[in-house]
Amino acid sequence: MTTKARLVRIGNSRGVRLPKPLIEQAGLSDEVELDVREGAIVIRPADGPRVGWAEAAAELAAEGTGLLDGPTPTAFDDDWAW
């Protein structure tokens, strides 16, 4: 679906009003990511927080890597019996 739009002034910036059907079709929400590629501005849904963390943790577990550093004892450990 190709749609024309005008750039509108928003303070010192410019913006584009996106038609609701385009927003829904692209799966956009309130937060988006913008990229410039080959002279075009690409708008895509923003990745949520911690995207990919579960896969990375599973990969570390499969490799047996676990934590980057071993546990470091502190004065707190002297007061407690584990």
Protein backbone atom coordinates (compact mmCIF):
# COMPACT_ATOMS: atom_id res chain seq x y z
CA MET A 1 0.00 0.00 0.00
CA THR A 2 1.59 3.28 -1.09
CA THR A 3 0.32 6.46 0.55
CA LYS A 4 1.48 10.05 0.18
CA ALA A 5 1.82 12.29 3.21
CA ARG A 6 3.08 15.78 4.00
CA LEU A 7 5.76 16.78 6.45
CA VAL A 8 4.29 19.00 9.16
CA ARG A 9 6.10 21.33 11.57
CA ILE A 10 6.39 20.10 15.16
CA GLY A 11 8.42 22.73 16.98
CA ASN A 12 11.86 22.83 15.35
CA SER A 13 11.32 19.37 13.84
CA ARG A 14 9.08 17.95 11.15
CA GLY A 15 6.76 15.00 11.39
CA VAL A 16 4.56 12.74 9.31
CA ARG A 17 1.03 11.74 10.23
CA LEU A 18 0.61 8.04 9.56
CA PRO A 19 -2.82 6.71 8.60
CA LYS A 20 -4.26 4.23 11.12
CA PRO A 21 -4.47 1.35 8.59
CA LEU A 22 -0.73 1.65 7.87
CA ILE A 23 0.09 1.69 11.59
CA GLU A 24 -2.01 -1.43 12.17
CA GLN A 25 -0.65 -3.22 9.10
CA ALA A 26 2.95 -2.57 10.22
CA GLY A 27 2.20 -3.60 13.82
CA LEU A 28 3.43 -0.27 15.24
CA SER A 29 2.75 0.91 18.78
CA ASP A 30 3.68 4.08 20.67
CA GLU A 31 7.44 3.48 20.39
CA VAL A 32 9.19 2.89 17.07
CA GLU A 33 12.75 2.70 15.75
CA LEU A 34 13.90 4.82 12.82
CA ASP A 35 16.71 3.99 10.38
CA VAL A 36 17.97 5.63 7.23
CA ARG A 37 18.69 3.16 4.43
CA GLU A 38 19.52 4.03 0.85
CA GLY A 39 17.89 7.46 1.06
CA ALA A 40 14.73 6.19 2.78
CA ILE A 41 13.55 6.45 6.38
CA VAL A 42 12.49 3.05 7.71
CA ILE A 43 10.03 2.96 10.63
CA ARG A 44 9.69 -0.33 12.49
CA PRO A 45 8.32 -1.51 15.83
CA ALA A 46 10.77 -0.91 18.68
CA ASP A 47 12.24 -3.99 20.29
CA GLY A 48 10.97 -4.50 23.80
CA PRO A 49 13.30 -4.47 26.77
CA ARG A 50 15.57 -7.49 27.10
CA VAL A 51 14.69 -8.90 23.69
CA GLY A 52 16.93 -11.89 23.04
CA TRP A 53 17.99 -12.34 26.66
CA ALA A 54 16.21 -15.69 27.05
CA GLU A 55 17.93 -17.08 23.94
CA ALA A 56 21.33 -15.78 25.10
CA ALA A 57 20.85 -17.34 28.55
CA ALA A 58 19.85 -20.67 26.99
CA GLU A 59 22.94 -20.56 24.77
CA LEU A 60 25.20 -19.88 27.76
CA ALA A 61 23.57 -22.72 29.70
CA ALA A 62 24.05 -25.10 26.76
CA GLU A 63 27.73 -24.15 26.55
CA GLY A 64 28.12 -24.53 30.31
CA THR A 65 29.61 -21.05 30.43
CA GLY A 66 27.32 -19.62 33.10
CA LEU A 67 28.57 -16.53 34.87
CA LEU A 68 31.46 -14.55 33.46
CA ASP A 69 33.18 -14.42 36.87
CA GLY A 70 32.99 -16.74 39.82
CA PRO A 71 31.39 -15.62 43.08
CA THR A 72 33.40 -13.08 45.09
CA PRO A 73 33.18 -13.48 48.87
CA THR A 74 32.32 -10.34 50.87
CA ALA A 75 32.13 -9.45 54.58
CA PHE A 76 28.43 -10.32 54.38
CA ASP A 77 29.40 -13.97 53.80
CA ASP A 78 31.30 -14.09 57.12
CA ASP A 79 28.10 -13.38 59.06
CA TRP A 80 26.06 -16.16 57.44
CA ALA A 81 26.36 -19.91 57.27
CA TRP A 82 25.21 -21.23 53.93
